[in-house]
Protein backbone atom coordinates (compact mmCIF):
# COMPACT_ATOMS: atom_id res chain seq x y z
CA UNK A 1 -145.02 -21.04 -108.13
CA UNK A 2 -141.46 -21.52 -106.89
CA UNK A 3 -140.45 -20.05 -103.55
CA UNK A 4 -137.59 -20.44 -101.12
CA UNK A 5 -137.39 -19.19 -97.54
CA UNK A 6 -134.89 -19.73 -94.76
CA UNK A 7 -134.94 -19.29 -91.01
CA UNK A 8 -132.06 -19.65 -88.53
CA UNK A 9 -132.82 -19.83 -84.83
CA UNK A 10 -130.71 -20.24 -81.68
CA UNK A 11 -131.14 -23.61 -79.96
CA UNK A 12 -133.61 -22.62 -77.26
CA UNK A 13 -136.83 -24.69 -76.99
CA UNK A 14 -138.74 -21.41 -76.53
CA UNK A 15 -137.91 -20.58 -80.17
CA UNK A 16 -140.37 -23.21 -81.42
CA UNK A 17 -142.91 -20.34 -81.42
CA UNK A 18 -140.85 -18.65 -84.18
CA UNK A 19 -141.11 -21.82 -86.28
CA UNK A 20 -144.86 -22.05 -85.64
CA UNK A 21 -145.31 -18.43 -86.77
CA UNK A 22 -143.16 -19.10 -89.86
CA UNK A 23 -145.39 -22.06 -90.84
CA UNK A 24 -148.60 -20.10 -90.14
CA UNK A 25 -147.37 -17.30 -92.42
CA UNK A 26 -146.58 -19.88 -95.14
CA UNK A 27 -150.10 -21.29 -94.84
CA UNK A 28 -151.58 -17.83 -95.40
CA UNK A 29 -149.21 -16.85 -98.23
CA UNK A 30 -149.47 -20.13 -100.11
CA UNK A 31 -153.07 -21.05 -99.28
CA UNK A 32 -152.00 -24.46 -97.96
CA UNK A 33 -154.82 -26.97 -97.36
CA UNK A 34 -155.69 -27.43 -93.65
CA UNK A 35 -154.87 -31.17 -93.62
CA UNK A 36 -151.42 -30.65 -95.13
CA UNK A 37 -150.86 -27.62 -92.88
CA UNK A 38 -151.51 -29.72 -89.75
CA UNK A 39 -149.06 -32.39 -90.89
CA UNK A 40 -146.45 -29.75 -91.73
CA UNK A 41 -146.88 -27.95 -88.39
CA UNK A 42 -146.43 -31.10 -86.30
CA UNK A 43 -143.65 -32.71 -88.35
CA UNK A 44 -141.57 -29.54 -88.80
CA UNK A 45 -141.87 -28.35 -85.19
CA UNK A 46 -141.02 -31.87 -83.95
CA UNK A 47 -137.98 -31.94 -86.27
CA UNK A 48 -136.81 -28.51 -85.08
CA UNK A 49 -137.41 -29.50 -81.46
CA UNK A 50 -135.29 -32.65 -81.99
CA UNK A 51 -132.55 -30.52 -83.58
CA UNK A 52 -132.58 -28.10 -80.64
CA UNK A 53 -132.71 -30.67 -77.82
CA UNK A 54 -130.97 -33.77 -79.20
CA UNK A 55 -128.76 -32.30 -81.93
CA UNK A 56 -127.56 -29.06 -80.38
CA UNK A 57 -128.18 -30.07 -76.73
CA UNK A 58 -130.12 -26.78 -76.19
CA UNK A 59 -126.84 -24.87 -76.61
CA UNK A 60 -128.04 -21.34 -77.49
CA UNK A 61 -124.74 -20.61 -79.27
CA UNK A 62 -125.62 -23.29 -81.85
CA UNK A 63 -128.16 -22.63 -84.61
CA UNK A 64 -130.89 -24.68 -86.20
CA UNK A 65 -131.33 -23.91 -89.89
CA UNK A 66 -134.79 -24.32 -91.43
CA UNK A 67 -134.91 -24.13 -95.21
CA UNK A 68 -138.20 -24.28 -97.13
CA UNK A 69 -138.75 -24.68 -100.86
CA UNK A 70 -141.99 -25.06 -102.76
CA UNK A 71 -143.08 -25.75 -106.29
CA UNK A 72 -146.47 -26.55 -107.81
CA UNK A 73 -146.49 -30.13 -106.53
CA UNK A 74 -144.68 -30.19 -103.21
CA UNK A 75 -143.31 -28.25 -100.26
CA UNK A 76 -140.01 -29.35 -98.73
CA UNK A 77 -138.31 -28.46 -95.46
CA UNK A 78 -134.70 -29.15 -94.55
CA UNK A 79 -133.81 -28.84 -90.87
CA UNK A 80 -130.12 -28.88 -89.96
CA UNK A 81 -128.47 -28.75 -86.55
CA UNK A 82 -124.82 -28.41 -85.51
CA UNK A 83 -124.73 -31.69 -83.59
CA UNK A 84 -122.95 -34.97 -84.31
CA UNK A 85 -126.03 -36.69 -85.73
CA UNK A 86 -127.52 -40.01 -84.63
CA UNK A 87 -128.12 -43.54 -85.91
CA UNK A 88 -131.44 -42.99 -87.69
CA UNK A 89 -131.39 -46.44 -89.28
CA UNK A 90 -131.63 -48.34 -85.98
CA UNK A 91 -134.32 -46.58 -83.97
CA UNK A 92 -136.40 -48.65 -81.56
CA UNK A 93 -139.97 -49.25 -82.75
CA UNK A 94 -142.22 -47.13 -80.49
CA UNK A 95 -145.15 -49.48 -81.24
CA UNK A 96 -143.32 -52.54 -79.89
CA UNK A 97 -144.81 -53.73 -76.58
CA UNK A 98 -141.58 -53.10 -74.64
CA UNK A 99 -141.52 -49.46 -75.82
CA UNK A 100 -145.18 -48.48 -75.42
CA UNK A 101 -144.71 -46.89 -72.00
CA UNK A 102 -141.32 -45.29 -72.57
CA UNK A 103 -141.37 -41.52 -72.30
CA UNK A 104 -139.56 -40.64 -75.54
CA UNK A 105 -138.83 -42.20 -78.86
CA UNK A 106 -141.97 -41.34 -80.82
CA UNK A 107 -140.91 -38.15 -82.59
CA UNK A 108 -139.29 -39.68 -85.68
CA UNK A 109 -142.11 -42.24 -85.91
CA UNK A 110 -144.69 -39.42 -85.92
CA UNK A 111 -142.69 -37.38 -88.45
CA UNK A 112 -142.44 -40.38 -90.80
CA UNK A 113 -146.21 -40.87 -90.59
CA UNK A 114 -147.04 -37.21 -91.31
CA UNK A 115 -144.59 -36.34 -94.10
CA UNK A 116 -144.84 -37.92 -97.55
CA UNK A 117 -141.05 -38.34 -97.71
CA UNK A 118 -138.42 -38.25 -94.95
CA UNK A 119 -134.69 -38.40 -95.67
CA UNK A 120 -131.80 -38.07 -93.26
CA UNK A 121 -128.32 -36.89 -94.20
CA UNK A 122 -125.16 -35.48 -92.60
CA UNK A 123 -125.05 -38.52 -90.25
CA UNK A 124 -128.51 -37.60 -88.96
CA UNK A 125 -127.93 -33.92 -88.23
CA UNK A 126 -130.09 -33.01 -91.23
CA UNK A 127 -133.63 -34.10 -92.06
CA UNK A 128 -135.55 -33.38 -95.24
CA UNK A 129 -139.35 -33.49 -95.12
CA UNK A 130 -141.49 -33.43 -98.26
CA UNK A 131 -145.26 -32.85 -98.38
CA UNK A 132 -147.19 -33.28 -101.63
CA UNK A 133 -149.68 -30.50 -102.27
CA UNK A 134 -152.02 -32.50 -104.52
């Protein structure tokens, strides 16, 4: 089973619902296990939300591109924004005592704990998430 799907959405936080519906439809079509589905839903929506808010600064004229590919062993998502990227190699540790009560800074940490593989490219304006199906 090889499949590819793509979704482009304007950078409005309200459009997260479109991404959620996209993932729900994938779950039904591909019969994705509930545990993997939960990880995908949280990691992908968090990645898209980061792209909208941090990458594209909620500028509705800028798009977030969500690309999905699947084969027998894994499902991959690539999320790309039109922003300048960020320094993904030097993020503060959200589990460090001085960061425990800070409001933000947990999204990438959560994503890395839910996806089997996480890779950044394009100076941080693109993230690739891989989930193993077996």
